[in-house]
C-alpha atoms as a PDB file:
ATOM      1  CA  MET A   1       0.000   0.000   0.000  1.00  0.00           C
ATOM      2  CA  ASN A   2       1.418   3.355  -1.031  1.00  0.00           C
ATOM      3  CA  VAL A   3       1.288   6.033   1.638  1.00  0.00           C
ATOM      4  CA  LYS A   4       1.085   9.498   0.139  1.00  0.00           C
ATOM      5  CA  LYS A   5       3.593  11.834   1.741  1.00  0.00           C
ATOM      6  CA  GLU A   6       2.150  15.141   2.818  1.00  0.00           C
ATOM      7  CA  GLY A   7       3.783  18.188   1.295  1.00  0.00           C
ATOM      8  CA  ILE A   8       4.190  21.587   2.893  1.00  0.00           C
ATOM      9  CA  GLY A   9       0.977  22.788   1.253  1.00  0.00           C
ATOM     10  CA  ASP A  10      -0.990  19.879   2.720  1.00  0.00           C
ATOM     11  CA  LEU A  11       0.478  20.513   6.157  1.00  0.00           C
ATOM     12  CA  TYR A  12      -0.247  24.228   5.959  1.00  0.00           C
ATOM     13  CA  HIS A  13      -3.886  23.590   5.101  1.00  0.00           C
ATOM     14  CA  GLN A  14      -4.284  21.187   8.008  1.00  0.00           C
ATOM     15  CA  GLU A  15      -2.456  23.370  10.534  1.00  0.00           C
ATOM     16  CA  THR A  16      -4.468  26.514   9.678  1.00  0.00           C
ATOM     17  CA  LYS A  17      -7.932  24.982   9.876  1.00  0.00           C
ATOM     18  CA  TYR A  18     -10.398  26.612  12.244  1.00  0.00           C
ATOM     19  CA  ARG A  19     -11.705  24.083  14.766  1.00  0.00           C
ATOM     20  CA  ARG A  20     -14.352  24.775  17.408  1.00  0.00           C
ATOM     21  CA  ASP A  21     -12.216  23.331  20.184  1.00  0.00           C
ATOM     22  CA  ALA A  22      -9.009  25.092  19.204  1.00  0.00           C
ATOM     23  CA  MET A  23      -9.805  28.621  18.072  1.00  0.00           C
ATOM     24  CA  PRO A  24      -7.081  31.275  18.516  1.00  0.00           C
ATOM     25  CA  ARG A  25      -7.448  33.205  21.751  1.00  0.00           C
ATOM     26  CA  GLY A  26      -6.393  36.647  22.876  1.00  0.00           C
ATOM     27  CA  GLY A  27      -7.348  40.166  21.867  1.00  0.00           C
ATOM     28  CA  LEU A  28      -5.885  42.300  19.124  1.00  0.00           C
ATOM     29  CA  ASP A  29      -2.953  44.609  19.793  1.00  0.00           C
ATOM     30  CA  TRP A  30      -4.583  47.739  18.411  1.00  0.00           C
ATOM     31  CA  ALA A  31      -1.631  49.929  19.329  1.00  0.00           C
ATOM     32  CA  HIS A  32       0.567  48.018  16.910  1.00  0.00           C
ATOM     33  CA  GLN A  33      -1.785  47.427  14.003  1.00  0.00           C
ATOM     34  CA  PRO A  34       0.164  47.858  10.740  1.00  0.00           C
ATOM     35  CA  SER A  35      -0.955  50.718   8.529  1.00  0.00           C
ATOM     36  CA  PRO A  36      -2.956  49.664   5.442  1.00  0.00           C
ATOM     37  CA  TYR A  37      -0.950  52.163   3.389  1.00  0.00           C
ATOM     38  CA  LYS A  38       2.618  52.135   2.186  1.00  0.00           C
ATOM     39  CA  ASP A  39       4.478  55.385   1.578  1.00  0.00           C
ATOM     40  CA  PHE A  40       7.833  55.812  -0.113  1.00  0.00           C
ATOM     41  CA  LEU A  41      10.225  58.354   1.361  1.00  0.00           C
ATOM     42  CA  TYR A  42      11.790  58.709  -2.070  1.00  0.00           C
ATOM     43  CA  ALA A  43      10.024  59.156  -5.397  1.00  0.00           C
ATOM     44  CA  LEU A  44      11.214  60.404  -8.745  1.00  0.00           C
ATOM     45  CA  LYS A  45       7.811  61.770  -9.766  1.00  0.00           C
ATOM     46  CA  HIS A  46       4.153  61.662  -8.760  1.00  0.00           C
ATOM     47  CA  PHE A  47       1.314  61.175 -11.260  1.00  0.00           C
ATOM     48  CA  PRO A  48      -2.213  61.649  -9.890  1.00  0.00           C
ATOM     49  CA  ILE A  49      -4.482  59.133 -11.572  1.00  0.00           C
ATOM     50  CA  ARG A  50      -7.489  60.459 -13.473  1.00  0.00           C
ATOM     51  CA  PRO A  51     -10.878  60.291 -11.757  1.00  0.00           C
ATOM     52  CA  PRO A  52     -12.628  57.053 -12.725  1.00  0.00           C
ATOM     53  CA  CYS A  53     -15.472  57.120 -15.221  1.00  0.00           C
ATOM     54  CA  LEU A  54     -18.430  55.605 -13.377  1.00  0.00           C
ATOM     55  CA  GLN A  55     -21.126  56.119 -16.017  1.00  0.00           C
ATOM     56  CA  GLY A  56     -21.882  54.200 -19.201  1.00  0.00           C
ATOM     57  CA  GLY A  57     -19.427  51.709 -20.619  1.00  0.00           C
ATOM     58  CA  LYS A  58     -19.943  48.047 -21.365  1.00  0.00           C
ATOM     59  CA  PRO A  59     -22.571  46.296 -19.194  1.00  0.00           C
ATOM     60  CA  LEU A  60     -21.154  44.208 -16.346  1.00  0.00           C
ATOM     61  CA  TRP A  61     -22.816  41.003 -17.513  1.00  0.00           C
ATOM     62  CA  GLU A  62     -21.379  41.453 -20.988  1.00  0.00           C
ATOM     63  CA  SER A  63     -17.899  42.017 -19.575  1.00  0.00           C
ATOM     64  CA  MET A  64     -18.211  38.871 -17.482  1.00  0.00           C
ATOM     65  CA  ALA A  65     -19.347  36.787 -20.449  1.00  0.00           C
ATOM     66  CA  GLN A  66     -16.508  38.074 -22.644  1.00  0.00           C
ATOM     67  CA  ARG A  67     -13.729  37.710 -20.079  1.00  0.00           C
ATOM     68  CA  ARG A  68     -10.807  35.756 -21.484  1.00  0.00           C
ATOM     69  CA  SER A  69      -7.064  35.530 -20.815  1.00  0.00           C
ATOM     70  CA  ILE A  70      -5.343  37.356 -23.672  1.00  0.00           C
ATOM     71  CA  ARG A  71      -1.683  36.479 -24.182  1.00  0.00           C
ATOM     72  CA  GLU A  72      -0.891  38.287 -27.427  1.00  0.00           C
ATOM     73  CA  PHE A  73      -0.619  42.062 -27.414  1.00  0.00           C
ATOM     74  CA  SER A  74       0.086  44.636 -30.105  1.00  0.00           C
ATOM     75  CA  GLN A  75       2.925  47.147 -29.833  1.00  0.00           C
ATOM     76  CA  SER A  76       0.431  49.998 -29.341  1.00  0.00           C
ATOM     77  CA  SER A  77       0.431  52.030 -26.157  1.00  0.00           C
ATOM     78  CA  ILE A  78      -2.456  52.413 -23.775  1.00  0.00           C
ATOM     79  CA  THR A  79      -3.487  55.860 -22.548  1.00  0.00           C
ATOM     80  CA  PHE A  80      -2.858  57.190 -19.076  1.00  0.00           C
ATOM     81  CA  SER A  81      -6.622  57.572 -18.672  1.00  0.00           C
ATOM     82  CA  GLU A  82      -7.036  53.859 -19.367  1.00  0.00           C
ATOM     83  CA  LEU A  83      -4.303  53.005 -16.890  1.00  0.00           C
ATOM     84  CA  SER A  84      -5.962  55.270 -14.333  1.00  0.00           C
ATOM     85  CA  GLN A  85      -9.293  53.492 -14.790  1.00  0.00           C
ATOM     86  CA  LEU A  86      -7.652  50.075 -14.451  1.00  0.00           C
ATOM     87  CA  THR A  87      -5.675  51.106 -11.379  1.00  0.00           C
ATOM     88  CA  TRP A  88      -8.750  52.487  -9.635  1.00  0.00           C
ATOM     89  CA  ALA A  89     -10.672  49.323 -10.512  1.00  0.00           C
ATOM     90  CA  THR A  90      -8.120  47.196  -8.634  1.00  0.00           C
ATOM     91  CA  GLN A  91      -7.865  49.080  -5.332  1.00  0.00           C
ATOM     92  CA  GLY A  92      -9.506  52.493  -5.531  1.00  0.00           C
ATOM     93  CA  ILE A  93     -11.187  53.933  -2.442  1.00  0.00           C
ATOM     94  CA  THR A  94     -14.977  54.130  -2.761  1.00  0.00           C
ATOM     95  CA  SER A  95     -16.141  55.251   0.695  1.00  0.00           C
ATOM     96  CA  GLY A  96     -15.149  55.534   4.327  1.00  0.00           C
ATOM     97  CA  ALA A  97     -16.764  54.767   7.683  1.00  0.00           C
ATOM     98  CA  GLY A  98     -15.588  54.190  11.243  1.00  0.00           C
ATOM     99  CA  GLY A  99     -11.986  54.985  10.407  1.00  0.00           C
ATOM    100  CA  PHE A 100     -11.895  52.538   7.478  1.00  0.00           C
ATOM    101  CA  ASP A 101     -11.421  53.439   3.828  1.00  0.00           C
ATOM    102  CA  PHE A 102     -13.333  50.898   1.790  1.00  0.00           C
ATOM    103  CA  ARG A 103     -12.135  49.946  -1.676  1.00  0.00           C
ATOM    104  CA  VAL A 104     -13.595  48.492  -4.851  1.00  0.00           C
ATOM    105  CA  VAL A 105     -12.461  45.006  -3.747  1.00  0.00           C
ATOM    106  CA  PRO A 106     -13.190  43.160  -0.493  1.00  0.00           C
ATOM    107  CA  SER A 107     -10.441  42.322   1.963  1.00  0.00           C
ATOM    108  CA  ALA A 108     -10.535  40.027   4.989  1.00  0.00           C
ATOM    109  CA  GLY A 109     -10.984  42.224   8.052  1.00  0.00           C
ATOM    110  CA  ALA A 110     -10.613  45.324   5.828  1.00  0.00           C
ATOM    111  CA  LEU A 111      -6.856  44.955   6.357  1.00  0.00           C
ATOM    112  CA  TYR A 112      -5.823  45.348   2.687  1.00  0.00           C
ATOM    113  CA  PRO A 113      -2.459  43.558   2.698  1.00  0.00           C
ATOM    114  CA  ILE A 114      -1.971  43.888  -1.075  1.00  0.00           C
ATOM    115  CA  GLU A 115       0.212  46.611  -2.578  1.00  0.00           C
ATOM    116  CA  THR A 116       0.022  47.418  -6.293  1.00  0.00           C
ATOM    117  CA  TYR A 117       3.076  48.045  -8.437  1.00  0.00           C
ATOM    118  CA  ILE A 118       2.937  48.772 -12.156  1.00  0.00           C
ATOM    119  CA  VAL A 119       5.698  48.191 -14.670  1.00  0.00           C
ATOM    120  CA  ALA A 120       4.888  50.579 -17.513  1.00  0.00           C
ATOM    121  CA  ASN A 121       6.303  49.594 -20.892  1.00  0.00           C
ATOM    122  CA  ARG A 122       4.164  51.746 -23.198  1.00  0.00           C
ATOM    123  CA  VAL A 123       1.775  54.135 -21.482  1.00  0.00           C
ATOM    124  CA  GLU A 124       1.095  57.550 -22.971  1.00  0.00           C
ATOM    125  CA  GLU A 125       1.987  60.642 -20.888  1.00  0.00           C
ATOM    126  CA  ILE A 126       4.284  58.803 -18.464  1.00  0.00           C
ATOM    127  CA  MET A 127       7.777  57.409 -18.883  1.00  0.00           C
ATOM    128  CA  SER A 128       8.599  53.728 -18.886  1.00  0.00           C
ATOM    129  CA  GLY A 129       9.473  52.494 -15.428  1.00  0.00           C
ATOM    130  CA  THR A 130       8.301  50.906 -12.210  1.00  0.00           C
ATOM    131  CA  TYR A 131       5.545  52.628 -10.243  1.00  0.00           C
ATOM    132  CA  HIS A 132       3.793  52.160  -6.922  1.00  0.00           C
ATOM    133  CA  TYR A 133       0.093  52.917  -6.538  1.00  0.00           C
ATOM    134  CA  ASN A 134      -0.392  55.208  -3.558  1.00  0.00           C
ATOM    135  CA  VAL A 135      -3.994  54.312  -2.758  1.00  0.00           C
ATOM    136  CA  LYS A 136      -4.523  57.039  -0.153  1.00  0.00           C
ATOM    137  CA  GLU A 137      -3.370  59.839  -2.460  1.00  0.00           C
ATOM    138  CA  ALA A 138      -4.723  58.228  -5.655  1.00  0.00           C
ATOM    139  CA  GLU A 139      -1.447  58.621  -7.495  1.00  0.00           C
ATOM    140  CA  LEU A 140       1.267  56.611  -9.192  1.00  0.00           C
ATOM    141  CA  VAL A 141       4.724  57.124  -7.734  1.00  0.00           C
ATOM    142  CA  LEU A 142       7.669  56.588 -10.073  1.00  0.00           C
ATOM    143  CA  LEU A 143      10.251  54.399  -8.333  1.00  0.00           C
ATOM    144  CA  LYS A 144      12.624  53.477 -11.174  1.00  0.00           C
ATOM    145  CA  GLU A 145      12.766  54.829 -14.700  1.00  0.00           C
ATOM    146  CA  GLY A 146      13.624  52.485 -17.559  1.00  0.00           C
ATOM    147  CA  ARG A 147      12.414  49.509 -19.584  1.00  0.00           C
ATOM    148  CA  PHE A 148      11.896  46.442 -17.417  1.00  0.00           C
ATOM    149  CA  GLY A 149       9.857  44.278 -19.784  1.00  0.00           C
ATOM    150  CA  ASN A 150      12.773  41.955 -20.421  1.00  0.00           C
ATOM    151  CA  ASN A 151      13.354  41.581 -16.682  1.00  0.00           C
ATOM    152  CA  LEU A 152       9.699  40.678 -16.245  1.00  0.00           C
ATOM    153  CA  GLN A 153       9.873  38.086 -18.990  1.00  0.00           C
ATOM    154  CA  HIS A 154      12.907  36.396 -17.425  1.00  0.00           C
ATOM    155  CA  ALA A 155      11.386  36.503 -13.944  1.00  0.00           C
ATOM    156  CA  GLY A 156       8.106  35.191 -15.356  1.00  0.00           C
ATOM    157  CA  LEU A 157       9.534  31.887 -16.593  1.00  0.00           C
ATOM    158  CA  GLY A 158      10.159  33.294 -20.062  1.00  0.00           C
ATOM    159  CA  GLN A 159       6.560  34.324 -20.783  1.00  0.00           C
ATOM    160  CA  GLU A 160       6.951  36.749 -23.699  1.00  0.00           C
ATOM    161  CA  MET A 161       3.664  38.534 -23.071  1.00  0.00           C
ATOM    162  CA  LEU A 162       5.173  40.139 -19.965  1.00  0.00           C
ATOM    163  CA  GLU A 163       7.574  42.035 -22.213  1.00  0.00           C
ATOM    164  CA  GLU A 164       5.028  42.658 -24.967  1.00  0.00           C
ATOM    165  CA  ALA A 165       2.353  44.043 -22.642  1.00  0.00           C
ATOM    166  CA  ALA A 166       1.804  47.791 -22.459  1.00  0.00           C
ATOM    167  CA  CYS A 167       2.027  47.468 -18.677  1.00  0.00           C
ATOM    168  CA  VAL A 168       2.132  44.770 -16.035  1.00  0.00           C
ATOM    169  CA  PHE A 169       0.514  44.980 -12.616  1.00  0.00           C
ATOM    170  CA  VAL A 170       2.613  43.322  -9.910  1.00  0.00           C
ATOM    171  CA  TRP A 171       0.811  42.680  -6.652  1.00  0.00           C
ATOM    172  CA  ALA A 172       2.743  42.164  -3.441  1.00  0.00           C
ATOM    173  CA  ALA A 173       1.513  41.344   0.049  1.00  0.00           C
ATOM    174  CA  ILE A 174       2.672  42.976   3.259  1.00  0.00           C
ATOM    175  CA  VAL A 175       2.076  39.853   5.295  1.00  0.00           C
ATOM    176  CA  GLU A 176       1.993  41.367   8.775  1.00  0.00           C
ATOM    177  CA  ARG A 177      -1.101  43.416   7.941  1.00  0.00           C
ATOM    178  CA  SER A 178      -3.091  40.178   7.857  1.00  0.00           C
ATOM    179  CA  LYS A 179      -1.068  38.180  10.390  1.00  0.00           C
ATOM    180  CA  TRP A 180      -1.710  40.901  12.972  1.00  0.00           C
ATOM    181  CA  LYS A 181      -5.269  39.569  13.177  1.00  0.00           C
ATOM    182  CA  TYR A 182      -5.356  36.166  11.504  1.00  0.00           C
ATOM    183  CA  ARG A 183      -1.936  34.759  12.440  1.00  0.00           C
ATOM    184  CA  GLU A 184      -0.840  31.834  10.250  1.00  0.00           C
ATOM    185  CA  ARG A 185      -4.223  31.606   8.551  1.00  0.00           C
ATOM    186  CA  ALA A 186      -3.498  35.029   7.054  1.00  0.00           C
ATOM    187  CA  TYR A 187      -1.866  33.542   3.975  1.00  0.00           C
ATOM    188  CA  ARG A 188      -5.197  32.006   2.970  1.00  0.00           C
ATOM    189  CA  TYR A 189      -6.826  35.425   3.049  1.00  0.00           C
ATOM    190  CA  ILE A 190      -3.965  37.145   1.264  1.00  0.00           C
ATOM    191  CA  TYR A 191      -4.435  34.940  -1.784  1.00  0.00           C
ATOM    192  CA  MET A 192      -8.197  35.386  -1.661  1.00  0.00           C
ATOM    193  CA  ASP A 193      -7.718  39.152  -1.555  1.00  0.00           C
ATOM    194  CA  VAL A 194      -5.393  39.248  -4.542  1.00  0.00           C
ATOM    195  CA  GLY A 195      -7.764  36.970  -6.451  1.00  0.00           C
ATOM    196  CA  HIS A 196     -10.530  39.559  -6.052  1.00  0.00           C
ATOM    197  CA  ILE A 197      -8.158  42.219  -7.343  1.00  0.00           C
ATOM    198  CA  GLY A 198      -7.123  40.158 -10.352  1.00  0.00           C
ATOM    199  CA  GLN A 199     -10.724  39.527 -11.390  1.00  0.00           C
ATOM    200  CA  ASN A 200     -11.516  43.240 -11.166  1.00  0.00           C
ATOM    201  CA  LEU A 201      -8.591  43.918 -13.499  1.00  0.00           C
ATOM    202  CA  TYR A 202      -9.941  41.376 -15.974  1.00  0.00           C
ATOM    203  CA  LEU A 203     -13.419  42.917 -16.000  1.00  0.00           C
ATOM    204  CA  ALA A 204     -12.146  46.484 -16.200  1.00  0.00           C
ATOM    205  CA  ALA A 205      -9.808  45.616 -19.064  1.00  0.00           C
ATOM    206  CA  ASN A 206     -12.599  43.921 -20.988  1.00  0.00           C
ATOM    207  CA  ALA A 207     -14.872  46.912 -20.443  1.00  0.00           C
ATOM    208  CA  LEU A 208     -12.169  49.147 -21.961  1.00  0.00           C
ATOM    209  CA  GLY A 209     -11.567  46.813 -24.903  1.00  0.00           C
ATOM    210  CA  LEU A 210      -8.115  45.815 -23.648  1.00  0.00           C
ATOM    211  CA  GLY A 211      -6.519  42.413 -23.208  1.00  0.00           C
ATOM    212  CA  CYS A 212      -5.579  41.032 -19.810  1.00  0.00           C
ATOM    213  CA  CYS A 213      -3.839  37.915 -18.531  1.00  0.00           C
ATOM    214  CA  THR A 214      -3.024  37.217 -14.903  1.00  0.00           C
ATOM    215  CA  VAL A 215       0.074  35.208 -14.018  1.00  0.00           C
ATOM    216  CA  GLY A 216       1.008  33.192 -10.951  1.00  0.00           C
ATOM    217  CA  ALA A 217       4.136  31.537 -12.353  1.00  0.00           C
ATOM    218  CA  PHE A 218       7.318  33.487 -11.694  1.00  0.00           C
ATOM    219  CA  PHE A 219      10.621  33.282  -9.865  1.00  0.00           C
ATOM    220  CA  ASP A 220       9.687  34.909  -6.588  1.00  0.00           C
ATOM    221  CA  GLU A 221      13.011  36.437  -5.633  1.00  0.00           C
ATOM    222  CA  GLU A 222      13.553  37.889  -9.111  1.00  0.00           C
ATOM    223  CA  MET A 223      10.097  39.471  -9.123  1.00  0.00           C
ATOM    224  CA  ASP A 224      10.704  40.855  -5.640  1.00  0.00           C
ATOM    225  CA  ARG A 225      13.845  42.573  -6.899  1.00  0.00           C
ATOM    226  CA  ILE A 226      12.007  44.213  -9.791  1.00  0.00           C
ATOM    227  CA  ILE A 227       9.562  45.953  -7.447  1.00  0.00           C
ATOM    228  CA  GLY A 228      11.960  46.366  -4.526  1.00  0.00           C
ATOM    229  CA  ALA A 229      10.224  43.977  -2.115  1.00  0.00           C
ATOM    230  CA  ASP A 230      12.343  42.254   0.521  1.00  0.00           C
ATOM    231  CA  GLY A 231      10.756  38.823  -0.016  1.00  0.00           C
ATOM    232  CA  LYS A 232       9.961  38.376   3.681  1.00  0.00           C
ATOM    233  CA  GLU A 233       7.888  41.219   5.066  1.00  0.00           C
ATOM    234  CA  GLU A 234       6.628  42.003   1.561  1.00  0.00           C
ATOM    235  CA  ILE A 235       6.262  39.245  -1.030  1.00  0.00           C
ATOM    236  CA  SER A 236       5.252  39.171  -4.702  1.00  0.00           C
ATOM    237  CA  VAL A 237       2.085  37.125  -5.146  1.00  0.00           C
ATOM    238  CA  TYR A 238       0.439  37.775  -8.550  1.00  0.00           C
ATOM    239  CA  LEU A 239       0.803  39.566 -11.888  1.00  0.00           C
ATOM    240  CA  GLY A 240      -1.584  41.028 -14.435  1.00  0.00           C
ATOM    241  CA  ALA A 241      -0.443  41.840 -17.995  1.00  0.00           C
ATOM    242  CA  ILE A 242      -2.392  44.509 -19.906  1.00  0.00           C
ATOM    243  CA  GLY A 243      -2.241  45.584 -23.547  1.00  0.00           C
ATOM    244  CA  ARG A 244      -4.082  46.222 -26.747  1.00  0.00           C
ATOM    245  CA  ILE A 245      -5.231  43.019 -28.394  1.00  0.00           C
ATOM    246  CA  ARG A 246      -3.202  42.001 -31.423  1.00  0.00           C
END
């Protein structure tokens, strides 16, 4: 009889189950709750994103029915207005109450562990480079200027679309934001959170007539270096390539 050896993923799932007789105990350390926002002390330039267009457009049901992963992009640029709409659709603030700023996507405990970085290859009005989305200020912050499409392709297991795309969203998680409340189970919620974000990008791209393909296969440490994450406190978790359909 063959006994299947449990892998680390199997063990993690078992060890982070909620059980009635063994629920985590203890209150939350409110004085040391991590901030849901990341600020950079340095920035080459700031680009306020355009206000989102909330009227008209393609019906939601139509966008859902037409959603596909597009892996072939043209060499055409996308506009900064389109990038602004896409960026807002992934994490934009929609309202606030009780000290919380609520966004277009749900997040376990409203902790929002996911940070959005954008590698711009061909976006009108802004230079090519790596950007961070400052959610609180609704702006893109230029971190590094240059063409990083080739770096993305190599880090993404050679997937050419990452270099061909007009831009690539790179989502990273600041793990402690979720672990502060959910401890080891936090990783489950982090991946749920980024899944919500990825689907919003798909639907927004389709509504704008753009192609989108999300990617989970990449060399983690190489992707961390592209966005400047340390790979421990902040980790790369998901990508989303955007471009005009070839």
